Amino acid sequence: MTGEILEVSRGVECRTEHVPLGVVASIVPFNFPSMVPNWTIPNAIALGNCMIIKPSEKVPLSVGV
């Protein structure tokens, strides 16, 4: 993921940089047991982070890694 450089006025730049956070946690609720991991895992891994998933105790096998 590349960042952006916006020139907000003459001689003034606004920069955005995307850097990995390191470790990312995802707490999966019981009412969306398969959707939340599918939303969070690809984003965390694509940006170079490590992922920890805590599934719901009501449906623990839904993560099924």
N, C-alpha and C. Protein backbone atom coordinates (compact mmCIF):
# COMPACT_ATOMS: atom_id res chain seq x y z
N MET A 1 0.85 -1.17 0.00
CA MET A 1 0.00 0.00 0.00
C MET A 1 0.90 1.24 0.00
N THR A 2 0.73 2.03 -0.99
CA THR A 2 1.52 3.25 -1.07
C THR A 2 0.76 4.40 -0.44
N GLY A 3 1.48 5.38 -0.01
CA GLY A 3 0.87 6.56 0.59
C GLY A 3 0.59 7.62 -0.46
N GLU A 4 0.14 8.76 0.02
CA GLU A 4 -0.17 9.87 -0.87
C GLU A 4 0.58 11.11 -0.41
N ILE A 5 0.83 12.00 -1.35
CA ILE A 5 1.40 13.31 -1.05
C ILE A 5 0.47 14.35 -1.65
N LEU A 6 -0.13 15.16 -0.81
CA LEU A 6 -1.02 16.21 -1.27
C LEU A 6 -0.38 17.56 -0.99
N GLU A 7 -0.35 18.41 -1.98
CA GLU A 7 0.16 19.76 -1.77
C GLU A 7 -1.03 20.65 -1.41
N VAL A 8 -1.12 21.01 -0.13
CA VAL A 8 -2.26 21.79 0.35
C VAL A 8 -2.12 23.27 0.07
N SER A 9 -0.90 23.76 -0.02
CA SER A 9 -0.63 25.13 -0.45
C SER A 9 0.82 25.16 -0.91
N ARG A 10 1.27 26.31 -1.40
CA ARG A 10 2.63 26.40 -1.92
C ARG A 10 3.64 26.12 -0.80
N GLY A 11 4.43 25.05 -1.00
CA GLY A 11 5.47 24.71 -0.04
C GLY A 11 4.99 23.89 1.15
N VAL A 12 3.71 23.56 1.20
CA VAL A 12 3.18 22.77 2.32
C VAL A 12 2.61 21.47 1.76
N GLU A 13 3.13 20.34 2.25
CA GLU A 13 2.67 19.03 1.80
C GLU A 13 2.02 18.27 2.94
N CYS A 14 1.06 17.46 2.61
CA CYS A 14 0.40 16.59 3.57
C CYS A 14 0.67 15.15 3.10
N ARG A 15 1.33 14.34 3.91
CA ARG A 15 1.72 12.99 3.51
C ARG A 15 0.96 11.94 4.31
N THR A 16 0.61 10.86 3.64
CA THR A 16 0.06 9.70 4.33
C THR A 16 0.98 8.52 4.05
N GLU A 17 1.28 7.76 5.07
CA GLU A 17 2.12 6.57 4.93
C GLU A 17 1.41 5.41 5.58
N HIS A 18 1.42 4.26 4.92
CA HIS A 18 0.82 3.05 5.46
C HIS A 18 1.95 2.15 5.95
N VAL A 19 1.98 1.92 7.24
CA VAL A 19 3.00 1.05 7.83
C VAL A 19 2.29 -0.04 8.64
N PRO A 20 2.87 -1.24 8.72
CA PRO A 20 2.26 -2.30 9.50
C PRO A 20 2.18 -1.93 10.98
N LEU A 21 1.09 -2.33 11.63
CA LEU A 21 0.95 -2.10 13.06
C LEU A 21 1.71 -3.14 13.88
N GLY A 22 1.88 -4.32 13.34
CA GLY A 22 2.56 -5.40 14.05
C GLY A 22 1.59 -6.53 14.32
N VAL A 23 0.89 -6.46 15.44
CA VAL A 23 -0.07 -7.49 15.80
C VAL A 23 -1.46 -6.87 15.84
N VAL A 24 -2.41 -7.51 15.16
CA VAL A 24 -3.79 -7.04 15.10
C VAL A 24 -4.68 -8.12 15.69
N ALA A 25 -5.61 -7.73 16.55
CA ALA A 25 -6.55 -8.68 17.15
C ALA A 25 -7.93 -8.50 16.56
N SER A 26 -8.64 -9.60 16.40
CA SER A 26 -10.01 -9.58 15.92
C SER A 26 -10.86 -10.42 16.87
N ILE A 27 -11.81 -9.77 17.53
CA ILE A 27 -12.71 -10.47 18.44
C ILE A 27 -14.00 -10.72 17.67
N VAL A 28 -14.31 -11.98 17.45
CA VAL A 28 -15.43 -12.37 16.60
C VAL A 28 -16.69 -12.53 17.44
N PRO A 29 -17.77 -11.81 17.12
CA PRO A 29 -19.01 -11.95 17.87
C PRO A 29 -19.77 -13.21 17.45
N PHE A 30 -20.72 -13.64 18.27
CA PHE A 30 -21.47 -14.85 17.96
C PHE A 30 -22.46 -14.65 16.80
N ASN A 31 -22.90 -13.42 16.56
CA ASN A 31 -23.91 -13.21 15.53
C ASN A 31 -23.32 -13.03 14.12
N PHE A 32 -22.03 -12.82 13.99
CA PHE A 32 -21.36 -12.77 12.68
C PHE A 32 -20.10 -13.64 12.74
N PRO A 33 -20.22 -14.94 13.00
CA PRO A 33 -19.03 -15.76 13.23
C PRO A 33 -18.15 -16.00 12.02
N SER A 34 -18.72 -15.98 10.82
CA SER A 34 -17.88 -16.22 9.65
C SER A 34 -17.61 -14.96 8.84
N MET A 35 -18.38 -13.90 9.06
CA MET A 35 -18.18 -12.68 8.28
C MET A 35 -17.04 -11.82 8.80
N VAL A 36 -16.94 -11.67 10.11
CA VAL A 36 -15.91 -10.79 10.68
C VAL A 36 -14.49 -11.27 10.34
N PRO A 37 -14.17 -12.57 10.48
CA PRO A 37 -12.81 -12.98 10.06
C PRO A 37 -12.55 -12.74 8.59
N ASN A 38 -13.57 -12.91 7.75
CA ASN A 38 -13.38 -12.66 6.31
C ASN A 38 -13.18 -11.18 6.00
N TRP A 39 -13.64 -10.31 6.86
CA TRP A 39 -13.41 -8.87 6.69
C TRP A 39 -12.03 -8.46 7.19
N THR A 40 -11.57 -9.06 8.29
CA THR A 40 -10.37 -8.57 8.96
C THR A 40 -9.08 -9.27 8.54
N ILE A 41 -9.13 -10.57 8.30
CA ILE A 41 -7.90 -11.32 7.99
C ILE A 41 -7.23 -10.81 6.71
N PRO A 42 -7.93 -10.68 5.58
CA PRO A 42 -7.24 -10.23 4.36
C PRO A 42 -6.60 -8.85 4.49
N ASN A 43 -7.26 -7.94 5.17
CA ASN A 43 -6.69 -6.60 5.33
C ASN A 43 -5.45 -6.63 6.20
N ALA A 44 -5.48 -7.37 7.30
CA ALA A 44 -4.33 -7.42 8.19
C ALA A 44 -3.14 -8.09 7.53
N ILE A 45 -3.36 -9.21 6.85
CA ILE A 45 -2.26 -9.94 6.22
C ILE A 45 -1.70 -9.17 5.03
N ALA A 46 -2.56 -8.56 4.22
CA ALA A 46 -2.09 -7.82 3.04
C ALA A 46 -1.24 -6.62 3.43
N LEU A 47 -1.50 -6.04 4.59
CA LEU A 47 -0.72 -4.88 5.02
C LEU A 47 0.48 -5.26 5.88
N GLY A 48 0.76 -6.57 6.02
CA GLY A 48 1.97 -7.02 6.69
C GLY A 48 1.86 -7.17 8.19
N ASN A 49 0.67 -7.38 8.70
CA ASN A 49 0.47 -7.54 10.13
C ASN A 49 0.31 -9.01 10.50
N CYS A 50 0.49 -9.30 11.76
CA CYS A 50 0.21 -10.61 12.32
C CYS A 50 -1.22 -10.56 12.88
N MET A 51 -1.97 -11.65 12.75
CA MET A 51 -3.39 -11.64 13.13
C MET A 51 -3.65 -12.62 14.26
N ILE A 52 -4.33 -12.16 15.30
CA ILE A 52 -4.80 -13.01 16.39
C ILE A 52 -6.32 -12.96 16.37
N ILE A 53 -6.95 -14.15 16.32
CA ILE A 53 -8.40 -14.21 16.27
C ILE A 53 -8.92 -14.86 17.54
N LYS A 54 -9.88 -14.20 18.17
CA LYS A 54 -10.55 -14.74 19.35
C LYS A 54 -11.99 -15.04 18.94
N PRO A 55 -12.32 -16.33 18.67
CA PRO A 55 -13.68 -16.65 18.27
C PRO A 55 -14.64 -16.61 19.46
N SER A 56 -15.91 -16.52 19.14
CA SER A 56 -16.94 -16.53 20.18
C SER A 56 -16.98 -17.90 20.83
N GLU A 57 -17.23 -17.92 22.13
CA GLU A 57 -17.33 -19.20 22.83
C GLU A 57 -18.60 -19.94 22.49
N LYS A 58 -19.57 -19.27 21.89
CA LYS A 58 -20.82 -19.94 21.48
C LYS A 58 -20.67 -20.69 20.16
N VAL A 59 -19.81 -20.21 19.28
CA VAL A 59 -19.57 -20.87 17.98
C VAL A 59 -18.07 -20.89 17.70
N PRO A 60 -17.28 -21.63 18.49
CA PRO A 60 -15.82 -21.57 18.34
C PRO A 60 -15.29 -22.21 17.07
N LEU A 61 -16.01 -23.14 16.46
CA LEU A 61 -15.50 -23.81 15.26
C LEU A 61 -15.78 -23.03 13.98
N SER A 62 -16.47 -21.93 14.08
CA SER A 62 -16.81 -21.18 12.88
C SER A 62 -15.60 -20.51 12.25
N VAL A 63 -14.57 -20.23 13.02
CA VAL A 63 -13.37 -19.61 12.45
C VAL A 63 -12.64 -20.65 11.60
N GLY A 64 -12.53 -21.87 12.08
CA GLY A 64 -12.01 -23.00 11.32
C GLY A 64 -10.77 -22.75 10.50
N VAL A 65 -9.74 -22.26 11.12
CA VAL A 65 -8.50 -21.97 10.39
C VAL A 65 -7.73 -23.21 10.12
